N, C-alpha and C. Protein backbone atom coordinates (compact mmCIF):
# COMPACT_ATOMS: atom_id res chain seq x y z
N MET A 1 24.90 -47.14 25.03
CA MET A 1 23.71 -46.01 24.26
C MET A 1 24.20 -45.60 22.88
N LYS A 2 25.33 -45.61 22.72
CA LYS A 2 25.72 -45.13 21.32
C LYS A 2 25.43 -46.28 20.32
N LEU A 3 25.11 -47.38 20.76
CA LEU A 3 24.79 -48.25 19.71
C LEU A 3 23.23 -48.31 19.28
N TYR A 4 22.51 -47.75 20.22
CA TYR A 4 21.19 -47.64 19.80
C TYR A 4 20.71 -46.64 18.72
N ASN A 5 19.80 -46.88 18.16
CA ASN A 5 19.25 -46.06 16.95
C ASN A 5 18.44 -44.91 17.86
N ASP A 6 17.97 -43.91 17.05
CA ASP A 6 17.10 -42.84 17.66
C ASP A 6 15.75 -43.19 18.15
N ILE A 7 15.14 -44.13 17.30
CA ILE A 7 13.87 -44.73 17.86
C ILE A 7 13.89 -45.35 19.27
N ILE A 8 14.70 -46.09 19.34
CA ILE A 8 15.15 -46.81 20.64
C ILE A 8 15.27 -45.88 21.86
N LEU A 9 16.24 -44.94 21.52
CA LEU A 9 16.59 -43.68 22.32
C LEU A 9 15.27 -43.12 22.78
N ILE A 10 14.49 -42.79 21.80
CA ILE A 10 13.34 -41.91 22.28
C ILE A 10 12.37 -42.89 22.96
N GLU A 11 12.34 -44.13 22.92
CA GLU A 11 11.40 -45.00 23.64
C GLU A 11 11.98 -45.02 25.23
N LEU A 12 13.33 -44.92 25.29
CA LEU A 12 14.05 -44.87 26.71
C LEU A 12 13.92 -43.67 27.23
N LEU A 13 13.83 -42.60 26.38
CA LEU A 13 13.76 -41.16 27.05
C LEU A 13 12.21 -41.16 27.43
N LYS A 14 11.30 -41.62 26.84
CA LYS A 14 9.92 -41.62 27.26
C LYS A 14 9.85 -42.23 28.68
N CYS A 15 10.49 -43.20 29.20
CA CYS A 15 10.82 -43.81 30.27
C CYS A 15 11.69 -43.06 31.31
N ASP A 16 11.84 -41.78 31.02
CA ASP A 16 12.88 -40.88 31.84
C ASP A 16 14.32 -41.36 32.04
N ASN A 17 14.76 -41.84 30.85
CA ASN A 17 16.13 -42.34 30.79
C ASN A 17 16.97 -41.14 30.47
N MET A 18 17.71 -40.61 31.56
CA MET A 18 18.59 -39.36 31.20
C MET A 18 19.77 -39.73 30.23
N SER A 19 20.19 -41.02 30.29
CA SER A 19 21.28 -41.46 29.43
C SER A 19 20.80 -41.37 27.94
N ALA A 20 19.65 -41.82 27.67
CA ALA A 20 19.15 -41.71 26.33
C ALA A 20 19.05 -40.28 25.90
N PHE A 21 18.49 -39.31 26.65
CA PHE A 21 18.52 -37.80 26.42
C PHE A 21 20.02 -37.40 26.06
N ASP A 22 20.99 -37.61 26.94
CA ASP A 22 22.43 -37.21 26.77
C ASP A 22 22.95 -37.69 25.57
N GLU A 23 22.59 -38.82 25.05
CA GLU A 23 23.01 -39.29 23.72
C GLU A 23 22.12 -38.63 22.54
N LEU A 24 21.03 -38.47 22.76
CA LEU A 24 20.36 -37.67 21.55
C LEU A 24 21.13 -36.17 21.54
N TYR A 25 21.39 -35.72 22.63
CA TYR A 25 21.86 -34.33 22.85
C TYR A 25 23.29 -34.22 22.08
N CYS A 26 24.16 -35.28 22.52
CA CYS A 26 25.37 -35.36 21.87
C CYS A 26 25.32 -35.57 20.41
N ARG A 27 24.52 -36.27 19.97
CA ARG A 27 24.34 -36.69 18.53
C ARG A 27 24.11 -35.48 17.60
N TYR A 28 23.05 -34.53 18.20
CA TYR A 28 22.42 -33.64 17.44
C TYR A 28 22.70 -32.03 17.71
N TRP A 29 23.32 -31.85 18.92
CA TRP A 29 23.17 -30.51 19.33
C TRP A 29 24.29 -29.56 18.31
N GLU A 30 25.59 -30.05 18.18
CA GLU A 30 26.35 -29.32 17.12
C GLU A 30 25.76 -29.10 16.01
N MET A 31 25.24 -30.08 15.32
CA MET A 31 24.54 -30.06 13.83
C MET A 31 23.47 -28.97 13.95
N LEU A 32 22.56 -29.16 14.96
CA LEU A 32 21.50 -27.90 14.96
C LEU A 32 22.03 -26.66 15.27
N TYR A 33 23.03 -26.53 16.15
CA TYR A 33 23.90 -25.19 16.39
C TYR A 33 24.51 -24.60 15.08
N ASP A 34 25.11 -25.29 14.42
CA ASP A 34 25.72 -24.77 12.94
C ASP A 34 24.66 -24.16 12.15
N ILE A 35 23.48 -25.02 11.89
CA ILE A 35 22.40 -24.71 11.15
C ILE A 35 21.89 -23.35 11.83
N ALA A 36 21.57 -23.30 13.07
CA ALA A 36 20.96 -22.14 13.51
C ALA A 36 21.93 -20.92 13.37
N TYR A 37 23.08 -21.16 13.56
CA TYR A 37 24.15 -20.03 13.61
C TYR A 37 24.25 -19.65 12.06
N LYS A 38 24.25 -20.37 11.14
CA LYS A 38 24.34 -19.95 9.78
C LYS A 38 23.06 -19.17 9.37
N LYS A 39 21.95 -19.33 9.95
CA LYS A 39 20.64 -18.78 9.74
C LYS A 39 20.80 -17.45 10.39
N LEU A 40 21.05 -17.59 11.70
CA LEU A 40 20.88 -16.05 12.63
C LEU A 40 21.94 -15.37 12.60
N LYS A 41 23.19 -15.99 12.35
CA LYS A 41 24.54 -15.01 12.43
C LYS A 41 24.70 -14.42 13.85
N ASP A 42 24.13 -15.25 14.94
CA ASP A 42 24.36 -14.91 16.38
C ASP A 42 24.54 -16.12 17.00
N GLN A 43 25.77 -16.17 17.88
CA GLN A 43 26.11 -17.42 18.54
C GLN A 43 25.29 -17.59 19.65
N GLU A 44 24.79 -16.46 20.29
CA GLU A 44 23.96 -16.67 21.53
C GLU A 44 22.58 -17.14 21.31
N ASP A 45 22.05 -16.39 20.20
CA ASP A 45 20.67 -16.80 19.75
C ASP A 45 20.48 -18.27 19.31
N ALA A 46 21.74 -18.52 18.48
CA ALA A 46 21.70 -19.93 18.12
C ALA A 46 21.83 -21.11 19.08
N LYS A 47 22.60 -20.76 20.15
CA LYS A 47 22.67 -21.59 21.27
C LYS A 47 21.32 -21.62 22.10
N ASP A 48 20.54 -20.58 22.25
CA ASP A 48 19.33 -20.40 23.06
C ASP A 48 18.31 -21.32 22.28
N ILE A 49 18.26 -21.29 21.00
CA ILE A 49 17.17 -21.99 20.31
C ILE A 49 17.51 -23.37 20.35
N VAL A 50 18.81 -23.89 20.27
CA VAL A 50 19.20 -25.31 20.30
C VAL A 50 18.79 -25.86 21.74
N HIS A 51 19.21 -24.93 22.65
CA HIS A 51 18.98 -25.29 24.13
C HIS A 51 17.27 -25.51 24.41
N ASP A 52 16.68 -24.57 23.74
CA ASP A 52 15.22 -24.54 23.96
C ASP A 52 14.56 -25.77 23.19
N ILE A 53 15.07 -26.36 22.19
CA ILE A 53 14.83 -27.50 21.41
C ILE A 53 14.78 -28.70 22.50
N PHE A 54 15.98 -28.78 23.01
CA PHE A 54 16.34 -30.08 23.85
C PHE A 54 15.62 -29.90 25.29
N LEU A 55 15.33 -28.65 25.60
CA LEU A 55 14.58 -28.53 26.86
C LEU A 55 13.14 -28.76 26.55
N GLN A 56 12.52 -28.51 25.47
CA GLN A 56 11.01 -28.91 24.84
C GLN A 56 11.18 -30.44 24.69
N LEU A 57 12.12 -31.10 24.26
CA LEU A 57 12.21 -32.26 24.16
C LEU A 57 11.99 -33.01 25.38
N TRP A 58 12.83 -32.75 26.45
CA TRP A 58 12.85 -33.23 27.67
C TRP A 58 11.34 -33.01 28.52
N ASN A 59 10.94 -31.69 28.34
CA ASN A 59 9.55 -31.69 28.79
C ASN A 59 8.40 -32.35 28.52
N ASN A 60 8.59 -32.58 27.15
CA ASN A 60 7.36 -33.38 26.51
C ASN A 60 8.02 -34.76 25.89
N ARG A 61 8.78 -35.36 26.92
CA ARG A 61 9.36 -36.75 26.60
C ARG A 61 8.24 -37.80 26.62
N THR A 62 7.37 -37.55 27.58
CA THR A 62 6.44 -38.79 27.78
C THR A 62 5.49 -38.77 26.50
N SER A 63 5.05 -37.44 25.88
CA SER A 63 4.27 -37.51 24.90
C SER A 63 4.72 -37.51 23.26
N LEU A 64 5.88 -37.79 23.37
CA LEU A 64 6.75 -38.01 21.99
C LEU A 64 6.03 -38.99 21.24
N ASN A 65 5.81 -38.86 19.94
CA ASN A 65 5.19 -39.89 18.94
C ASN A 65 6.15 -39.67 17.75
N ILE A 66 7.36 -40.19 17.77
CA ILE A 66 7.99 -40.12 16.60
C ILE A 66 8.47 -41.73 16.40
N TYR A 67 8.08 -41.92 15.12
CA TYR A 67 8.43 -43.40 14.62
C TYR A 67 9.30 -43.63 13.54
N SER A 68 9.73 -42.55 12.97
CA SER A 68 10.72 -42.92 11.63
C SER A 68 11.94 -41.99 11.80
N SER A 69 11.56 -40.52 11.80
CA SER A 69 13.13 -39.88 11.53
C SER A 69 13.06 -38.74 12.71
N PHE A 70 13.80 -38.94 13.71
CA PHE A 70 13.96 -38.01 14.91
C PHE A 70 14.60 -36.79 14.15
N SER A 71 15.77 -36.99 13.50
CA SER A 71 16.44 -35.94 12.86
C SER A 71 15.36 -34.86 12.17
N GLY A 72 14.50 -35.52 11.55
CA GLY A 72 13.58 -34.83 10.82
C GLY A 72 12.82 -33.98 11.63
N PHE A 73 12.38 -34.58 12.70
CA PHE A 73 11.46 -33.79 13.76
C PHE A 73 12.37 -32.62 14.23
N LEU A 74 13.74 -32.95 14.59
CA LEU A 74 14.57 -31.86 15.18
C LEU A 74 14.73 -30.73 14.09
N PHE A 75 14.79 -30.93 12.79
CA PHE A 75 15.02 -30.07 11.95
C PHE A 75 13.93 -29.09 11.58
N ILE A 76 12.62 -29.84 11.65
CA ILE A 76 11.49 -29.00 11.58
C ILE A 76 11.44 -28.14 12.72
N THR A 77 11.63 -28.49 13.87
CA THR A 77 11.45 -27.95 15.21
C THR A 77 12.42 -26.61 14.97
N LEU A 78 13.70 -27.04 14.64
CA LEU A 78 14.70 -25.80 14.42
C LEU A 78 14.31 -24.84 13.41
N LYS A 79 13.79 -25.22 12.35
CA LYS A 79 13.33 -24.28 11.37
C LYS A 79 12.17 -23.44 11.84
N ASN A 80 11.17 -23.86 12.71
CA ASN A 80 10.11 -23.13 13.33
C ASN A 80 10.52 -22.30 14.23
N LYS A 81 11.61 -22.69 15.01
CA LYS A 81 11.91 -21.71 16.13
C LYS A 81 12.84 -20.61 15.34
N ILE A 82 13.59 -20.88 14.20
CA ILE A 82 14.33 -19.86 13.74
C ILE A 82 13.46 -18.96 13.01
N ILE A 83 12.22 -19.35 12.46
CA ILE A 83 11.47 -18.53 11.76
C ILE A 83 10.86 -17.60 12.89
N ASP A 84 10.42 -18.11 14.05
CA ASP A 84 9.79 -17.34 15.29
C ASP A 84 10.86 -16.48 15.56
N LYS A 85 11.93 -16.65 15.77
CA LYS A 85 12.96 -15.62 16.14
C LYS A 85 13.17 -14.70 15.28
N GLN A 86 13.21 -14.89 13.89
CA GLN A 86 13.31 -13.80 12.68
C GLN A 86 12.16 -12.97 12.92
N ARG A 87 10.88 -13.59 13.10
CA ARG A 87 9.73 -12.79 13.10
C ARG A 87 9.60 -11.80 14.39
N LEU A 88 10.16 -12.53 15.40
CA LEU A 88 10.23 -11.58 16.57
C LEU A 88 11.24 -10.47 16.41
N THR A 89 12.23 -10.68 15.96
CA THR A 89 13.42 -9.69 15.68
C THR A 89 12.96 -8.55 14.80
N ALA A 90 12.08 -8.95 13.66
CA ALA A 90 11.42 -8.02 12.64
C ALA A 90 10.51 -7.42 13.27
N ASN A 91 9.66 -7.86 14.20
CA ASN A 91 8.54 -7.03 14.91
C ASN A 91 9.30 -6.06 15.91
N ARG A 92 10.40 -6.46 16.41
CA ARG A 92 11.12 -5.56 17.39
C ARG A 92 11.42 -4.38 16.78
N LEU A 93 12.27 -4.51 15.62
CA LEU A 93 12.78 -3.76 14.75
C LEU A 93 11.65 -2.51 14.40
N ASN A 94 10.67 -3.16 13.77
CA ASN A 94 9.66 -2.12 13.40
C ASN A 94 8.88 -1.55 14.45
N ARG A 95 8.87 -2.00 15.42
CA ARG A 95 8.34 -1.08 16.72
C ARG A 95 9.19 -0.17 17.12
N ILE A 96 10.60 -0.55 17.19
CA ILE A 96 11.55 0.44 17.33
C ILE A 96 11.47 1.55 16.50
N ASN A 97 11.63 1.20 15.11
CA ASN A 97 11.53 2.10 14.03
C ASN A 97 10.16 3.13 14.20
N GLU A 98 9.08 2.45 14.38
CA GLU A 98 7.87 3.53 14.57
C GLU A 98 7.96 4.41 15.89
N ILE A 99 8.72 3.86 16.88
CA ILE A 99 8.84 4.68 17.92
C ILE A 99 9.56 5.87 17.63
N ALA A 100 10.83 5.65 17.10
CA ALA A 100 11.79 6.52 16.65
C ALA A 100 11.03 7.69 15.73
N LYS A 101 10.40 7.21 14.70
CA LYS A 101 9.87 7.90 13.76
C LYS A 101 8.67 8.79 14.54
N ALA A 102 7.95 8.31 15.40
CA ALA A 102 6.94 8.98 16.15
C ALA A 102 7.62 10.02 17.03
N SER A 103 8.49 9.54 17.74
CA SER A 103 9.35 10.53 18.63
C SER A 103 10.03 11.76 17.80
N THR A 104 10.54 11.28 16.52
CA THR A 104 11.06 12.58 15.58
C THR A 104 9.95 13.35 15.26
N VAL A 105 8.88 12.80 14.89
CA VAL A 105 7.68 13.73 14.44
C VAL A 105 7.27 14.46 15.39
N TYR A 106 7.03 13.87 16.80
CA TYR A 106 6.77 14.74 17.84
C TYR A 106 7.87 15.75 18.28
N GLU A 107 8.88 15.37 18.24
CA GLU A 107 10.07 16.64 18.45
C GLU A 107 9.86 17.58 17.66
N ASP A 108 10.00 17.23 16.25
CA ASP A 108 9.76 18.30 15.33
C ASP A 108 8.57 19.25 15.47
N THR A 109 7.30 18.64 15.83
CA THR A 109 6.19 19.30 16.18
C THR A 109 6.38 20.26 17.33
N VAL A 110 6.94 19.77 18.29
CA VAL A 110 7.23 20.66 19.50
C VAL A 110 8.27 21.87 19.07
N TYR A 111 9.16 21.40 18.48
CA TYR A 111 10.06 22.40 18.06
C TYR A 111 9.27 23.32 17.18
N ASP A 112 8.57 22.99 16.26
CA ASP A 112 7.78 23.88 15.33
C ASP A 112 6.90 24.76 15.94
N GLN A 113 6.29 24.17 16.99
CA GLN A 113 5.35 25.08 17.93
C GLN A 113 6.04 26.05 18.81
N VAL A 114 7.10 25.66 19.26
CA VAL A 114 8.06 26.62 20.08
C VAL A 114 8.56 27.77 19.16
N TYR A 115 8.82 27.45 18.02
CA TYR A 115 9.59 28.26 16.98
C TYR A 115 8.29 29.29 16.43
N TYR A 116 7.20 28.76 16.23
CA TYR A 116 6.14 29.48 15.77
C TYR A 116 5.64 30.46 16.94
N ASN A 117 5.63 29.99 18.18
CA ASN A 117 5.13 30.87 19.12
C ASN A 117 6.31 32.11 19.37
N GLU A 118 7.44 31.53 19.37
CA GLU A 118 8.66 32.60 19.46
C GLU A 118 8.36 33.69 18.22
N LEU A 119 8.13 33.10 17.33
CA LEU A 119 8.18 34.05 16.07
C LEU A 119 7.07 35.03 16.05
N ASN A 120 5.90 34.43 16.45
CA ASN A 120 4.47 35.04 16.48
C ASN A 120 4.60 36.26 17.58
N SER A 121 5.23 35.93 18.49
CA SER A 121 5.60 36.85 19.90
C SER A 121 6.40 37.94 19.13
N PHE A 122 7.51 37.56 18.63
CA PHE A 122 8.43 38.69 18.17
C PHE A 122 7.48 39.78 17.19
N LEU A 123 6.76 38.68 16.20
CA LEU A 123 6.08 39.81 15.38
C LEU A 123 5.05 40.63 16.07
N ASN A 124 4.38 40.26 17.15
CA ASN A 124 3.46 41.20 17.81
C ASN A 124 4.15 42.26 18.44
N GLU A 125 5.25 42.09 19.01
CA GLU A 125 6.32 43.10 19.71
C GLU A 125 6.48 44.12 18.46
N GLN A 126 6.92 43.77 17.34
CA GLN A 126 7.12 44.71 16.33
C GLN A 126 6.00 45.44 15.80
N VAL A 127 4.81 44.67 15.73
CA VAL A 127 3.54 45.46 15.40
C VAL A 127 3.33 46.56 16.35
N ASP A 128 3.52 46.39 17.53
CA ASP A 128 3.20 47.13 18.87
C ASP A 128 3.99 48.38 18.48
N GLN A 129 5.10 48.27 17.95
CA GLN A 129 6.10 49.43 17.89
C GLN A 129 5.94 50.29 16.54
N LEU A 130 4.86 50.08 15.87
CA LEU A 130 4.68 50.71 14.81
C LEU A 130 3.91 51.92 15.09
N PRO A 131 3.75 53.01 14.40
CA PRO A 131 3.20 54.23 14.64
C PRO A 131 1.75 53.86 14.66
N GLU A 132 0.72 54.48 15.66
CA GLU A 132 -0.59 53.97 16.00
C GLU A 132 -1.32 53.85 14.68
N LYS A 133 -1.55 54.83 13.88
CA LYS A 133 -2.39 54.80 12.71
C LYS A 133 -1.96 53.49 11.91
N MET A 134 -0.59 53.21 11.66
CA MET A 134 -0.18 52.20 10.92
C MET A 134 -0.38 50.88 11.59
N LYS A 135 -0.38 50.79 12.82
CA LYS A 135 -0.63 49.72 13.55
C LYS A 135 -2.02 49.35 13.38
N GLU A 136 -2.82 50.29 13.55
CA GLU A 136 -4.11 50.12 13.54
C GLU A 136 -4.78 49.51 12.16
N ILE A 137 -4.15 50.25 10.96
CA ILE A 137 -4.44 49.74 9.57
C ILE A 137 -3.77 48.26 9.50
N TYR A 138 -2.74 48.11 10.08
CA TYR A 138 -2.13 46.58 9.78
C TYR A 138 -3.13 45.69 10.49
N ARG A 139 -3.54 45.78 11.81
CA ARG A 139 -4.38 45.04 12.53
C ARG A 139 -5.84 44.69 11.88
N LEU A 140 -6.25 45.85 11.30
CA LEU A 140 -7.76 45.77 10.70
C LEU A 140 -7.39 44.84 9.47
N SER A 141 -6.34 44.91 8.87
CA SER A 141 -6.12 44.23 7.63
C SER A 141 -5.82 42.63 7.94
N ARG A 142 -4.72 42.50 8.82
CA ARG A 142 -4.37 41.21 9.02
C ARG A 142 -5.15 40.24 10.29
N GLU A 143 -5.77 40.99 11.13
CA GLU A 143 -6.24 40.27 12.46
C GLU A 143 -7.83 40.14 12.01
N GLU A 144 -8.36 41.16 11.38
CA GLU A 144 -9.87 41.10 11.16
C GLU A 144 -10.17 41.04 9.73
N ASN A 145 -9.23 40.78 9.03
CA ASN A 145 -9.32 40.62 7.47
C ASN A 145 -10.08 41.45 6.73
N LEU A 146 -10.13 42.72 7.03
CA LEU A 146 -10.91 43.72 6.15
C LEU A 146 -10.05 44.14 4.82
N SER A 147 -10.88 44.58 3.92
CA SER A 147 -10.15 44.83 2.54
C SER A 147 -9.80 46.40 2.70
N ILE A 148 -9.23 46.89 1.93
CA ILE A 148 -8.55 48.21 1.66
C ILE A 148 -9.73 49.16 1.89
N GLU A 149 -10.67 49.06 1.06
CA GLU A 149 -11.95 49.69 0.99
C GLU A 149 -12.72 49.62 2.47
N GLU A 150 -12.89 48.68 2.96
CA GLU A 150 -13.48 48.62 4.31
C GLU A 150 -12.67 49.25 5.26
N ILE A 151 -11.51 49.13 5.42
CA ILE A 151 -10.61 50.01 6.46
C ILE A 151 -10.60 51.45 6.07
N SER A 152 -10.68 51.81 4.70
CA SER A 152 -10.76 53.17 4.21
C SER A 152 -12.01 53.95 4.78
N GLY A 153 -13.11 53.03 4.73
CA GLY A 153 -14.51 53.56 5.21
C GLY A 153 -14.52 53.63 6.70
N ARG A 154 -13.92 52.56 7.29
CA ARG A 154 -14.19 52.53 8.80
C ARG A 154 -13.18 53.75 9.52
N LEU A 155 -12.15 54.16 8.84
CA LEU A 155 -11.19 55.05 9.38
C LEU A 155 -11.24 56.42 8.79
N SER A 156 -12.20 56.56 7.81
CA SER A 156 -12.50 57.75 6.96
C SER A 156 -11.24 58.41 6.37
N ILE A 157 -10.25 57.57 6.00
CA ILE A 157 -9.15 58.07 5.14
C ILE A 157 -9.19 57.41 3.69
N SER A 158 -8.33 57.90 2.79
CA SER A 158 -8.45 57.41 1.36
C SER A 158 -8.06 56.20 1.31
N SER A 159 -8.36 55.34 0.23
CA SER A 159 -7.86 54.14 -0.03
C SER A 159 -6.41 54.08 -0.29
N GLN A 160 -5.86 55.06 -0.88
CA GLN A 160 -4.48 55.12 -1.35
C GLN A 160 -3.62 55.47 0.31
N THR A 161 -4.12 56.05 1.07
CA THR A 161 -3.36 56.09 2.46
C THR A 161 -3.42 54.88 3.00
N VAL A 162 -4.37 54.11 2.97
CA VAL A 162 -4.49 52.73 3.55
C VAL A 162 -3.43 51.91 2.82
N LYS A 163 -3.50 51.85 1.52
CA LYS A 163 -2.43 51.02 0.97
C LYS A 163 -1.16 51.36 1.32
N ASN A 164 -0.62 52.76 1.14
CA ASN A 164 0.53 53.16 1.53
C ASN A 164 0.96 52.70 3.05
N GLN A 165 0.02 52.99 4.03
CA GLN A 165 0.49 52.59 5.37
C GLN A 165 0.80 51.15 5.57
N LEU A 166 -0.18 50.46 4.74
CA LEU A 166 -0.02 48.85 4.93
C LEU A 166 1.21 48.52 4.39
N SER A 167 1.57 49.15 3.18
CA SER A 167 2.98 48.67 2.47
C SER A 167 4.02 49.03 3.36
N THR A 168 3.92 50.29 3.96
CA THR A 168 5.24 50.57 4.82
C THR A 168 5.14 49.63 5.90
N ALA A 169 4.03 49.25 6.54
CA ALA A 169 4.17 48.41 7.79
C ALA A 169 4.67 47.03 7.44
N LEU A 170 4.25 46.51 6.32
CA LEU A 170 4.61 45.14 5.84
C LEU A 170 6.26 45.25 5.50
N LYS A 171 6.70 46.26 4.80
CA LYS A 171 8.16 46.56 4.58
C LYS A 171 8.79 46.49 6.00
N ARG A 172 8.52 47.24 6.89
CA ARG A 172 9.21 47.31 8.28
C ARG A 172 9.27 45.92 8.75
N LEU A 173 8.04 45.34 8.83
CA LEU A 173 8.04 44.07 9.60
C LEU A 173 8.78 43.07 8.94
N ARG A 174 8.79 42.95 7.59
CA ARG A 174 9.75 41.92 6.92
C ARG A 174 11.19 42.18 7.29
N GLN A 175 11.59 43.46 7.21
CA GLN A 175 12.77 43.80 7.49
C GLN A 175 13.16 43.21 9.06
N LYS A 176 12.40 43.52 9.94
CA LYS A 176 12.60 43.22 11.26
C LYS A 176 12.65 41.78 11.43
N ILE A 177 11.66 41.18 10.81
CA ILE A 177 11.78 39.62 10.95
C ILE A 177 13.03 38.90 10.27
N SER A 178 13.32 39.40 9.08
CA SER A 178 14.52 38.93 8.47
C SER A 178 15.72 39.04 9.35
N GLN A 179 15.82 40.32 9.85
CA GLN A 179 16.88 40.35 11.14
C GLN A 179 16.91 39.58 12.19
N HIS A 180 15.82 39.22 12.64
CA HIS A 180 15.57 38.52 13.65
C HIS A 180 15.78 37.08 13.36
N LEU A 181 15.46 36.55 12.23
CA LEU A 181 15.68 35.23 11.66
C LEU A 181 17.31 34.99 11.53
N CYS A 182 17.92 36.09 11.03
CA CYS A 182 19.34 35.81 10.66
C CYS A 182 19.99 35.56 12.15
N SER A 183 19.68 36.55 13.11
CA SER A 183 20.31 36.30 14.14
C SER A 183 20.03 35.16 15.15
N PHE A 184 18.85 34.64 14.90
CA PHE A 184 18.36 33.27 15.44
C PHE A 184 19.02 32.13 14.88
N LEU A 185 19.34 32.23 13.71
CA LEU A 185 19.84 30.99 12.86
C LEU A 185 21.39 31.11 13.10
N PHE A 186 21.80 32.24 13.24
CA PHE A 186 23.66 32.38 13.25
C PHE A 186 23.71 32.83 14.53
């Protein structure tokens, strides 16, 4: 079989001649593997691709139409398989990165929501501990979005009293939240 050229071996291969297949395999396997390994930098992937090429060659042996360059046919097939492998790897990496990114965003969002809920709960506890009139002024200002004049009119107290009470409430709450955040972070 070693004396036959590739075209004769292909014609014998079409007639299910296993010796012709073995000879083609021996002639081209190492060369194809070297090229695949240089491109992919992975021994197992290179072996898999070359084996796939020869498996495809055997499975499609009866319909092969190669009349001039068998080596050219093999190199084009190898090139296409390497491109497919690189595309598959790139797509896989992109999907992994997208999943990791989405996971991080989700984790951050969940963490932010938990943190916000915990801080909001702490703030409500601190508001509840304010003196009654101060608490009422704070809630009218922050929860009902009333202006100082509206609060003054509703509670029948001076605008200056509303300002003073609101200022004192905010000062106390800021101080409590600062202490809480320091203890939370450290």
